[in-house]
Amino acid sequence: MIIRRGNLQDLPAIQELFKQTVRTVNANDYSAKQVKVWASSVEDLERLQNFFTIEEFYLAFDENKLVGFASLKGTDYFEKLFVHKDHQSKGIAKQLVDVI
């Protein structure tokens, strides 16, 4: 597992991981309407780019594939923490939290 700081070039991979996770993992806890709106929230590229100015992103890779990401707002507040649907329960979120 490699964890590194995210940058704007990572946005397409972040968008895809986010949408897949919300549509599958989070679909167990939210209504179909909520999932649809939430998953589409990353389609606004300008909004997503702005997150990089106010949050620090950290990405977890396994064999060059993005398997999770987290973002910090300030020094002690996690704004986002998502793990790919196919990599749940493997300790990726814990590794991200430990590194950050």
PDB file of N, CA and C in Angstrom:
ATOM      1  N   MET A   1       0.852  -1.177   0.000  1.00  0.00           N
ATOM      2  CA  MET A   1       0.000   0.000   0.000  1.00  0.00           C
ATOM      3  C   MET A   1       0.892   1.232   0.000  1.00  0.00           C
ATOM      4  N   ILE A   2       0.604   2.118  -0.910  1.00  0.00           N
ATOM      5  CA  ILE A   2       1.301   3.399  -0.969  1.00  0.00           C
ATOM      6  C   ILE A   2       0.282   4.490  -0.685  1.00  0.00           C
ATOM      7  N   ILE A   3       0.623   5.380   0.225  1.00  0.00           N
ATOM      8  CA  ILE A   3      -0.241   6.525   0.527  1.00  0.00           C
ATOM      9  C   ILE A   3       0.563   7.775   0.217  1.00  0.00           C
ATOM     10  N   ARG A   4      -0.054   8.648  -0.569  1.00  0.00           N
ATOM     11  CA  ARG A   4       0.622   9.888  -0.934  1.00  0.00           C
ATOM     12  C   ARG A   4      -0.383  11.030  -0.958  1.00  0.00           C
ATOM     13  N   ARG A   5       0.157  12.219  -0.994  1.00  0.00           N
ATOM     14  CA  ARG A   5      -0.664  13.430  -1.079  1.00  0.00           C
ATOM     15  C   ARG A   5      -1.315  13.491  -2.454  1.00  0.00           C
ATOM     16  N   GLY A   6      -2.563  13.880  -2.522  1.00  0.00           N
ATOM     17  CA  GLY A   6      -3.285  13.994  -3.776  1.00  0.00           C
ATOM     18  C   GLY A   6      -3.023  15.317  -4.468  1.00  0.00           C
ATOM     19  N   ASN A   7      -3.279  15.341  -5.779  1.00  0.00           N
ATOM     20  CA  ASN A   7      -3.144  16.575  -6.550  1.00  0.00           C
ATOM     21  C   ASN A   7      -4.263  16.618  -7.596  1.00  0.00           C
ATOM     22  N   LEU A   8      -4.343  17.711  -8.313  1.00  0.00           N
ATOM     23  CA  LEU A   8      -5.443  17.902  -9.260  1.00  0.00           C
ATOM     24  C   LEU A   8      -5.479  16.840 -10.357  1.00  0.00           C
ATOM     25  N   GLN A   9      -4.346  16.256 -10.698  1.00  0.00           N
ATOM     26  CA  GLN A   9      -4.327  15.205 -11.714  1.00  0.00           C
ATOM     27  C   GLN A   9      -5.046  13.943 -11.240  1.00  0.00           C
ATOM     28  N   ASP A  10      -5.257  13.821  -9.949  1.00  0.00           N
ATOM     29  CA  ASP A  10      -5.938  12.654  -9.379  1.00  0.00           C
ATOM     30  C   ASP A  10      -7.455  12.776  -9.418  1.00  0.00           C
ATOM     31  N   LEU A  11      -7.978  13.915  -9.816  1.00  0.00           N
ATOM     32  CA  LEU A  11      -9.426  14.147  -9.752  1.00  0.00           C
ATOM     33  C   LEU A  11     -10.263  13.095 -10.468  1.00  0.00           C
ATOM     34  N   PRO A  12      -9.932  12.679 -11.690  1.00  0.00           N
ATOM     35  CA  PRO A  12     -10.778  11.662 -12.336  1.00  0.00           C
ATOM     36  C   PRO A  12     -10.877  10.365 -11.526  1.00  0.00           C
ATOM     37  N   ALA A  13      -9.776   9.919 -10.968  1.00  0.00           N
ATOM     38  CA  ALA A  13      -9.794   8.693 -10.167  1.00  0.00           C
ATOM     39  C   ALA A  13     -10.579   8.889  -8.872  1.00  0.00           C
ATOM     40  N   ILE A  14     -10.445  10.053  -8.269  1.00  0.00           N
ATOM     41  CA  ILE A  14     -11.193  10.358  -7.046  1.00  0.00           C
ATOM     42  C   ILE A  14     -12.690  10.395  -7.347  1.00  0.00           C
ATOM     43  N   GLN A  15     -13.057  11.043  -8.433  1.00  0.00           N
ATOM     44  CA  GLN A  15     -14.467  11.107  -8.820  1.00  0.00           C
ATOM     45  C   GLN A  15     -15.048   9.704  -9.004  1.00  0.00           C
ATOM     46  N   GLU A  16     -14.346   8.864  -9.716  1.00  0.00           N
ATOM     47  CA  GLU A  16     -14.848   7.517 -10.003  1.00  0.00           C
ATOM     48  C   GLU A  16     -14.971   6.686  -8.728  1.00  0.00           C
ATOM     49  N   LEU A  17     -13.958   6.718  -7.877  1.00  0.00           N
ATOM     50  CA  LEU A  17     -14.022   5.967  -6.622  1.00  0.00           C
ATOM     51  C   LEU A  17     -15.186   6.453  -5.763  1.00  0.00           C
ATOM     52  N   PHE A  18     -15.338   7.754  -5.664  1.00  0.00           N
ATOM     53  CA  PHE A  18     -16.423   8.336  -4.879  1.00  0.00           C
ATOM     54  C   PHE A  18     -17.776   7.854  -5.379  1.00  0.00           C
ATOM     55  N   LYS A  19     -18.022   7.984  -6.689  1.00  0.00           N
ATOM     56  CA  LYS A  19     -19.316   7.588  -7.251  1.00  0.00           C
ATOM     57  C   LYS A  19     -19.592   6.102  -7.018  1.00  0.00           C
ATOM     58  N   GLN A  20     -18.612   5.260  -7.277  1.00  0.00           N
ATOM     59  CA  GLN A  20     -18.811   3.817  -7.097  1.00  0.00           C
ATOM     60  C   GLN A  20     -19.106   3.473  -5.645  1.00  0.00           C
ATOM     61  N   THR A  21     -18.388   4.100  -4.739  1.00  0.00           N
ATOM     62  CA  THR A  21     -18.579   3.807  -3.314  1.00  0.00           C
ATOM     63  C   THR A  21     -19.961   4.252  -2.843  1.00  0.00           C
ATOM     64  N   VAL A  22     -20.353   5.466  -3.220  1.00  0.00           N
ATOM     65  CA  VAL A  22     -21.662   5.965  -2.810  1.00  0.00           C
ATOM     66  C   VAL A  22     -22.775   5.094  -3.387  1.00  0.00           C
ATOM     67  N   ARG A  23     -22.640   4.706  -4.656  1.00  0.00           N
ATOM     68  CA  ARG A  23     -23.691   3.920  -5.317  1.00  0.00           C
ATOM     69  C   ARG A  23     -23.786   2.480  -4.824  1.00  0.00           C
ATOM     70  N   THR A  24     -22.756   1.971  -4.206  1.00  0.00           N
ATOM     71  CA  THR A  24     -22.792   0.578  -3.742  1.00  0.00           C
ATOM     72  C   THR A  24     -22.777   0.491  -2.223  1.00  0.00           C
ATOM     73  N   VAL A  25     -21.686   0.884  -1.623  1.00  0.00           N
ATOM     74  CA  VAL A  25     -21.528   0.754  -0.166  1.00  0.00           C
ATOM     75  C   VAL A  25     -22.535   1.616   0.577  1.00  0.00           C
ATOM     76  N   ASN A  26     -22.609   2.893   0.218  1.00  0.00           N
ATOM     77  CA  ASN A  26     -23.495   3.815   0.928  1.00  0.00           C
ATOM     78  C   ASN A  26     -24.958   3.636   0.565  1.00  0.00           C
ATOM     79  N   ALA A  27     -25.231   2.931  -0.514  1.00  0.00           N
ATOM     80  CA  ALA A  27     -26.618   2.678  -0.916  1.00  0.00           C
ATOM     81  C   ALA A  27     -27.365   1.848   0.119  1.00  0.00           C
ATOM     82  N   ASN A  28     -26.624   1.170   0.983  1.00  0.00           N
ATOM     83  CA  ASN A  28     -27.256   0.367   2.034  1.00  0.00           C
ATOM     84  C   ASN A  28     -27.877   1.232   3.131  1.00  0.00           C
ATOM     85  N   ASP A  29     -27.451   2.488   3.216  1.00  0.00           N
ATOM     86  CA  ASP A  29     -27.881   3.341   4.325  1.00  0.00           C
ATOM     87  C   ASP A  29     -28.674   4.577   3.903  1.00  0.00           C
ATOM     88  N   TYR A  30     -28.834   4.776   2.604  1.00  0.00           N
ATOM     89  CA  TYR A  30     -29.519   5.965   2.116  1.00  0.00           C
ATOM     90  C   TYR A  30     -30.558   5.576   1.069  1.00  0.00           C
ATOM     91  N   SER A  31     -31.511   6.448   0.852  1.00  0.00           N
ATOM     92  CA  SER A  31     -32.537   6.193  -0.161  1.00  0.00           C
ATOM     93  C   SER A  31     -31.916   6.306  -1.552  1.00  0.00           C
ATOM     94  N   ALA A  32     -32.584   5.749  -2.540  1.00  0.00           N
ATOM     95  CA  ALA A  32     -32.099   5.817  -3.925  1.00  0.00           C
ATOM     96  C   ALA A  32     -31.951   7.269  -4.376  1.00  0.00           C
ATOM     97  N   LYS A  33     -32.884   8.106  -3.985  1.00  0.00           N
ATOM     98  CA  LYS A  33     -32.821   9.525  -4.349  1.00  0.00           C
ATOM     99  C   LYS A  33     -31.598  10.196  -3.718  1.00  0.00           C
ATOM    100  N   GLN A  34     -31.364   9.925  -2.439  1.00  0.00           N
ATOM    101  CA  GLN A  34     -30.208  10.503  -1.756  1.00  0.00           C
ATOM    102  C   GLN A  34     -28.901  10.042  -2.408  1.00  0.00           C
ATOM    103  N   VAL A  35     -28.812   8.763  -2.735  1.00  0.00           N
ATOM    104  CA  VAL A  35     -27.614   8.213  -3.362  1.00  0.00           C
ATOM    105  C   VAL A  35     -27.371   8.876  -4.711  1.00  0.00           C
ATOM    106  N   LYS A  36     -28.424   9.041  -5.500  1.00  0.00           N
ATOM    107  CA  LYS A  36     -28.291   9.655  -6.822  1.00  0.00           C
ATOM    108  C   LYS A  36     -27.747  11.080  -6.710  1.00  0.00           C
ATOM    109  N   VAL A  37     -28.302  11.859  -5.809  1.00  0.00           N
ATOM    110  CA  VAL A  37     -27.860  13.243  -5.626  1.00  0.00           C
ATOM    111  C   VAL A  37     -26.430  13.279  -5.104  1.00  0.00           C
ATOM    112  N   TRP A  38     -26.134  12.459  -4.118  1.00  0.00           N
ATOM    113  CA  TRP A  38     -24.801  12.435  -3.504  1.00  0.00           C
ATOM    114  C   TRP A  38     -23.745  12.014  -4.526  1.00  0.00           C
ATOM    115  N   ALA A  39     -24.017  10.958  -5.280  1.00  0.00           N
ATOM    116  CA  ALA A  39     -23.057  10.465  -6.272  1.00  0.00           C
ATOM    117  C   ALA A  39     -22.805  11.508  -7.361  1.00  0.00           C
ATOM    118  N   SER A  40     -23.825  12.250  -7.722  1.00  0.00           N
ATOM    119  CA  SER A  40     -23.660  13.245  -8.782  1.00  0.00           C
ATOM    120  C   SER A  40     -22.957  14.513  -8.303  1.00  0.00           C
ATOM    121  N   SER A  41     -22.770  14.648  -7.005  1.00  0.00           N
ATOM    122  CA  SER A  41     -22.165  15.868  -6.462  1.00  0.00           C
ATOM    123  C   SER A  41     -20.729  16.081  -6.930  1.00  0.00           C
ATOM    124  N   VAL A  42     -20.050  15.037  -7.401  1.00  0.00           N
ATOM    125  CA  VAL A  42     -18.678  15.197  -7.870  1.00  0.00           C
ATOM    126  C   VAL A  42     -18.598  15.494  -9.367  1.00  0.00           C
ATOM    127  N   GLU A  43     -19.731  15.633 -10.010  1.00  0.00           N
ATOM    128  CA  GLU A  43     -19.728  15.961 -11.432  1.00  0.00           C
ATOM    129  C   GLU A  43     -19.326  17.417 -11.678  1.00  0.00           C
ATOM    130  N   ASP A  44     -19.493  18.259 -10.681  1.00  0.00           N
ATOM    131  CA  ASP A  44     -19.124  19.662 -10.787  1.00  0.00           C
ATOM    132  C   ASP A  44     -17.614  19.766 -10.562  1.00  0.00           C
ATOM    133  N   LEU A  45     -16.857  19.735 -11.659  1.00  0.00           N
ATOM    134  CA  LEU A  45     -15.395  19.708 -11.585  1.00  0.00           C
ATOM    135  C   LEU A  45     -14.826  20.943 -10.904  1.00  0.00           C
ATOM    136  N   GLU A  46     -15.403  22.098 -11.159  1.00  0.00           N
ATOM    137  CA  GLU A  46     -14.916  23.322 -10.526  1.00  0.00           C
ATOM    138  C   GLU A  46     -15.072  23.245  -9.001  1.00  0.00           C
ATOM    139  N   ARG A  47     -16.199  22.738  -8.567  1.00  0.00           N
ATOM    140  CA  ARG A  47     -16.443  22.576  -7.115  1.00  0.00           C
ATOM    141  C   ARG A  47     -15.428  21.616  -6.518  1.00  0.00           C
ATOM    142  N   LEU A  48     -15.176  20.515  -7.215  1.00  0.00           N
ATOM    143  CA  LEU A  48     -14.221  19.525  -6.729  1.00  0.00           C
ATOM    144  C   LEU A  48     -12.804  20.100  -6.700  1.00  0.00           C
ATOM    145  N   GLN A  49     -12.443  20.867  -7.704  1.00  0.00           N
ATOM    146  CA  GLN A  49     -11.121  21.499  -7.718  1.00  0.00           C
ATOM    147  C   GLN A  49     -10.966  22.453  -6.540  1.00  0.00           C
ATOM    148  N   ASN A  50     -12.045  23.141  -6.185  1.00  0.00           N
ATOM    149  CA  ASN A  50     -11.995  24.066  -5.053  1.00  0.00           C
ATOM    150  C   ASN A  50     -11.712  23.347  -3.738  1.00  0.00           C
ATOM    151  N   PHE A  51     -12.144  22.097  -3.643  1.00  0.00           N
ATOM    152  CA  PHE A  51     -11.847  21.334  -2.432  1.00  0.00           C
ATOM    153  C   PHE A  51     -10.347  21.250  -2.198  1.00  0.00           C
ATOM    154  N   PHE A  52      -9.574  21.197  -3.269  1.00  0.00           N
ATOM    155  CA  PHE A  52      -8.129  21.085  -3.134  1.00  0.00           C
ATOM    156  C   PHE A  52      -7.495  22.353  -2.565  1.00  0.00           C
ATOM    157  N   THR A  53      -8.213  23.465  -2.602  1.00  0.00           N
ATOM    158  CA  THR A  53      -7.671  24.696  -2.029  1.00  0.00           C
ATOM    159  C   THR A  53      -7.968  24.801  -0.533  1.00  0.00           C
ATOM    160  N   ILE A  54      -8.948  24.047  -0.047  1.00  0.00           N
ATOM    161  CA  ILE A  54      -9.309  24.155   1.371  1.00  0.00           C
ATOM    162  C   ILE A  54      -9.111  22.851   2.143  1.00  0.00           C
ATOM    163  N   GLU A  55      -8.774  21.773   1.433  1.00  0.00           N
ATOM    164  CA  GLU A  55      -8.567  20.478   2.076  1.00  0.00           C
ATOM    165  C   GLU A  55      -7.262  19.860   1.594  1.00  0.00           C
ATOM    166  N   GLU A  56      -6.671  19.038   2.443  1.00  0.00           N
ATOM    167  CA  GLU A  56      -5.505  18.256   2.053  1.00  0.00           C
ATOM    168  C   GLU A  56      -5.983  16.841   1.751  1.00  0.00           C
ATOM    169  N   PHE A  57      -5.714  16.371   0.534  1.00  0.00           N
ATOM    170  CA  PHE A  57      -6.140  15.045   0.119  1.00  0.00           C
ATOM    171  C   PHE A  57      -4.981  14.060   0.233  1.00  0.00           C
ATOM    172  N   TYR A  58      -5.299  12.858   0.712  1.00  0.00           N
ATOM    173  CA  TYR A  58      -4.339  11.758   0.782  1.00  0.00           C
ATOM    174  C   TYR A  58      -4.971  10.553   0.109  1.00  0.00           C
ATOM    175  N   LEU A  59      -4.189   9.896  -0.735  1.00  0.00           N
ATOM    176  CA  LEU A  59      -4.706   8.791  -1.537  1.00  0.00           C
ATOM    177  C   LEU A  59      -3.958   7.508  -1.226  1.00  0.00           C
ATOM    178  N   ALA A  60      -4.708   6.399  -1.185  1.00  0.00           N
ATOM    179  CA  ALA A  60      -4.124   5.079  -0.951  1.00  0.00           C
ATOM    180  C   ALA A  60      -4.173   4.292  -2.258  1.00  0.00           C
ATOM    181  N   PHE A  61      -3.034   3.744  -2.636  1.00  0.00           N
ATOM    182  CA  PHE A  61      -2.928   2.972  -3.872  1.00  0.00           C
ATOM    183  C   PHE A  61      -2.471   1.555  -3.562  1.00  0.00           C
ATOM    184  N   ASP A  62      -3.052   0.617  -4.257  1.00  0.00           N
ATOM    185  CA  ASP A  62      -2.629  -0.778  -4.206  1.00  0.00           C
ATOM    186  C   ASP A  62      -2.349  -1.193  -5.648  1.00  0.00           C
ATOM    187  N   GLU A  63      -1.114  -1.504  -5.932  1.00  0.00           N
ATOM    188  CA  GLU A  63      -0.702  -1.864  -7.294  1.00  0.00           C
ATOM    189  C   GLU A  63      -1.144  -0.798  -8.302  1.00  0.00           C
ATOM    190  N   ASN A  64      -0.851   0.448  -8.004  1.00  0.00           N
ATOM    191  CA  ASN A  64      -1.148   1.603  -8.865  1.00  0.00           C
ATOM    192  C   ASN A  64      -2.632   1.872  -9.076  1.00  0.00           C
ATOM    193  N   LYS A  65      -3.492   1.261  -8.285  1.00  0.00           N
ATOM    194  CA  LYS A  65      -4.926   1.506  -8.381  1.00  0.00           C
ATOM    195  C   LYS A  65      -5.382   2.249  -7.125  1.00  0.00           C
ATOM    196  N   LEU A  66      -6.131   3.331  -7.317  1.00  0.00           N
ATOM    197  CA  LEU A  66      -6.659   4.084  -6.188  1.00  0.00           C
ATOM    198  C   LEU A  66      -7.681   3.219  -5.455  1.00  0.00           C
ATOM    199  N   VAL A  67      -7.433   2.974  -4.171  1.00  0.00           N
ATOM    200  CA  VAL A  67      -8.335   2.133  -3.383  1.00  0.00           C
ATOM    201  C   VAL A  67      -8.970   2.886  -2.222  1.00  0.00           C
ATOM    202  N   GLY A  68      -8.547   4.129  -2.000  1.00  0.00           N
ATOM    203  CA  GLY A  68      -9.147   4.917  -0.940  1.00  0.00           C
ATOM    204  C   GLY A  68      -8.593   6.323  -0.929  1.00  0.00           C
ATOM    205  N   PHE A  69      -9.339   7.234  -0.326  1.00  0.00           N
ATOM    206  CA  PHE A  69      -8.836   8.594  -0.148  1.00  0.00           C
ATOM    207  C   PHE A  69      -9.471   9.221   1.075  1.00  0.00           C
ATOM    208  N   ALA A  70      -8.755  10.187   1.606  1.00  0.00           N
ATOM    209  CA  ALA A  70      -9.235  10.949   2.750  1.00  0.00           C
ATOM    210  C   ALA A  70      -8.835  12.397   2.541  1.00  0.00           C
ATOM    211  N   SER A  71      -9.587  13.299   3.154  1.00  0.00           N
ATOM    212  CA  SER A  71      -9.196  14.703   3.105  1.00  0.00           C
ATOM    213  C   SER A  71      -9.352  15.309   4.491  1.00  0.00           C
ATOM    214  N   LEU A  72      -8.440  16.206   4.773  1.00  0.00           N
ATOM    215  CA  LEU A  72      -8.454  16.933   6.031  1.00  0.00           C
ATOM    216  C   LEU A  72      -8.820  18.376   5.784  1.00  0.00           C
ATOM    217  N   LYS A  73      -9.621  18.905   6.670  1.00  0.00           N
ATOM    218  CA  LYS A  73      -9.944  20.323   6.650  1.00  0.00           C
ATOM    219  C   LYS A  73      -9.366  20.871   7.945  1.00  0.00           C
ATOM    220  N   GLY A  74      -8.345  21.668   7.832  1.00  0.00           N
ATOM    221  CA  GLY A  74      -7.616  22.093   9.016  1.00  0.00           C
ATOM    222  C   GLY A  74      -6.634  21.004   9.406  1.00  0.00           C
ATOM    223  N   THR A  75      -6.322  20.921  10.669  1.00  0.00           N
ATOM    224  CA  THR A  75      -5.326  19.935  11.101  1.00  0.00           C
ATOM    225  C   THR A  75      -5.931  18.713  11.785  1.00  0.00           C
ATOM    226  N   ASP A  76      -7.222  18.761  12.085  1.00  0.00           N
ATOM    227  CA  ASP A  76      -7.767  17.652  12.864  1.00  0.00           C
ATOM    228  C   ASP A  76      -9.207  17.274  12.501  1.00  0.00           C
ATOM    229  N   TYR A  77      -9.651  17.628  11.304  1.00  0.00           N
ATOM    230  CA  TYR A  77     -11.032  17.344  10.930  1.00  0.00           C
ATOM    231  C   TYR A  77     -11.059  16.636   9.579  1.00  0.00           C
ATOM    232  N   PHE A  78     -11.520  15.382   9.589  1.00  0.00           N
ATOM    233  CA  PHE A  78     -11.671  14.646   8.340  1.00  0.00           C
ATOM    234  C   PHE A  78     -12.927  15.126   7.628  1.00  0.00           C
ATOM    235  N   GLU A  79     -12.761  15.620   6.435  1.00  0.00           N
ATOM    236  CA  GLU A  79     -13.894  16.051   5.635  1.00  0.00           C
ATOM    237  C   GLU A  79     -14.448  14.886   4.819  1.00  0.00           C
ATOM    238  N   LYS A  80     -13.541  14.066   4.267  1.00  0.00           N
ATOM    239  CA  LYS A  80     -13.933  12.933   3.429  1.00  0.00           C
ATOM    240  C   LYS A  80     -13.077  11.725   3.788  1.00  0.00           C
ATOM    241  N   LEU A  81     -13.680  10.545   3.695  1.00  0.00           N
ATOM    242  CA  LEU A  81     -12.946   9.295   3.892  1.00  0.00           C
ATOM    243  C   LEU A  81     -13.727   8.205   3.170  1.00  0.00           C
ATOM    244  N   PHE A  82     -13.185   7.744   2.045  1.00  0.00           N
ATOM    245  CA  PHE A  82     -13.863   6.761   1.210  1.00  0.00           C
ATOM    246  C   PHE A  82     -12.904   5.648   0.819  1.00  0.00           C
ATOM    247  N   VAL A  83     -13.428   4.436   0.812  1.00  0.00           N
ATOM    248  CA  VAL A  83     -12.656   3.261   0.392  1.00  0.00           C
ATOM    249  C   VAL A  83     -13.427   2.584  -0.733  1.00  0.00           C
ATOM    250  N   HIS A  84     -12.707   2.197  -1.769  1.00  0.00           N
ATOM    251  CA  HIS A  84     -13.289   1.552  -2.949  1.00  0.00           C
ATOM    252  C   HIS A  84     -14.176   0.381  -2.539  1.00  0.00           C
ATOM    253  N   LYS A  85     -15.266   0.196  -3.258  1.00  0.00           N
ATOM    254  CA  LYS A  85     -16.240  -0.857  -2.942  1.00  0.00           C
ATOM    255  C   LYS A  85     -15.631  -2.249  -2.913  1.00  0.00           C
ATOM    256  N   ASP A  86     -14.603  -2.498  -3.710  1.00  0.00           N
ATOM    257  CA  ASP A  86     -13.976  -3.817  -3.760  1.00  0.00           C
ATOM    258  C   ASP A  86     -12.852  -3.986  -2.746  1.00  0.00           C
ATOM    259  N   HIS A  87     -12.618  -2.965  -1.927  1.00  0.00           N
ATOM    260  CA  HIS A  87     -11.519  -3.011  -0.956  1.00  0.00           C
ATOM    261  C   HIS A  87     -11.981  -2.679   0.461  1.00  0.00           C
ATOM    262  N   GLN A  88     -13.251  -2.882   0.722  1.00  0.00           N
ATOM    263  CA  GLN A  88     -13.803  -2.641   2.060  1.00  0.00           C
ATOM    264  C   GLN A  88     -13.249  -3.673   3.058  1.00  0.00           C
ATOM    265  N   SER A  89     -13.160  -3.280   4.301  1.00  0.00           N
ATOM    266  CA  SER A  89     -12.767  -4.168   5.416  1.00  0.00           C
ATOM    267  C   SER A  89     -11.365  -4.744   5.259  1.00  0.00           C
ATOM    268  N   LYS A  90     -10.477  -3.972   4.666  1.00  0.00           N
ATOM    269  CA  LYS A  90      -9.082  -4.400   4.519  1.00  0.00           C
ATOM    270  C   LYS A  90      -8.130  -3.492   5.294  1.00  0.00           C
ATOM    271  N   GLY A  91      -8.671  -2.587   6.097  1.00  0.00           N
ATOM    272  CA  GLY A  91      -7.836  -1.705   6.900  1.00  0.00           C
ATOM    273  C   GLY A  91      -7.322  -0.474   6.171  1.00  0.00           C
ATOM    274  N   ILE A  92      -7.856  -0.192   4.989  1.00  0.00           N
ATOM    275  CA  ILE A  92      -7.371   0.949   4.205  1.00  0.00           C
ATOM    276  C   ILE A  92      -7.708   2.268   4.897  1.00  0.00           C
ATOM    277  N   ALA A  93      -8.918   2.406   5.388  1.00  0.00           N
ATOM    278  CA  ALA A  93      -9.303   3.644   6.084  1.00  0.00           C
ATOM    279  C   ALA A  93      -8.409   3.859   7.305  1.00  0.00           C
ATOM    280  N   LYS A  94      -8.128   2.814   8.041  1.00  0.00           N
ATOM    281  CA  LYS A  94      -7.249   2.926   9.212  1.00  0.00           C
ATOM    282  C   LYS A  94      -5.852   3.365   8.800  1.00  0.00           C
ATOM    283  N   GLN A  95      -5.355   2.811   7.713  1.00  0.00           N
ATOM    284  CA  GLN A  95      -4.021   3.213   7.242  1.00  0.00           C
ATOM    285  C   GLN A  95      -4.001   4.684   6.843  1.00  0.00           C
ATOM    286  N   LEU A  96      -5.046   5.147   6.178  1.00  0.00           N
ATOM    287  CA  LEU A  96      -5.133   6.557   5.811  1.00  0.00           C
ATOM    288  C   LEU A  96      -5.146   7.427   7.068  1.00  0.00           C
ATOM    289  N   VAL A  97      -5.964   7.070   8.036  1.00  0.00           N
ATOM    290  CA  VAL A  97      -6.058   7.839   9.278  1.00  0.00           C
ATOM    291  C   VAL A  97      -4.715   7.839  10.013  1.00  0.00           C
ATOM    292  N   ASP A  98      -4.046   6.693  10.062  1.00  0.00           N
ATOM    293  CA  ASP A  98      -2.764   6.598  10.767  1.00  0.00           C
ATOM    294  C   ASP A  98      -1.690   7.455  10.110  1.00  0.00           C
ATOM    295  N   VAL A  99      -1.685   7.510   8.789  1.00  0.00           N
ATOM    296  CA  VAL A  99      -0.669   8.287   8.079  1.00  0.00           C
ATOM    297  C   VAL A  99      -0.911   9.779   8.229  1.00  0.00           C
ATOM    298  N   ILE A 100      -2.171  10.150   8.171  1.00  0.00           N
ATOM    299  CA  ILE A 100      -2.506  11.571   8.247  1.00  0.00           C
ATOM    300  C   ILE A 100      -2.335  12.045   9.665  1.00  0.00           C
TER     301      ILE A 100
END
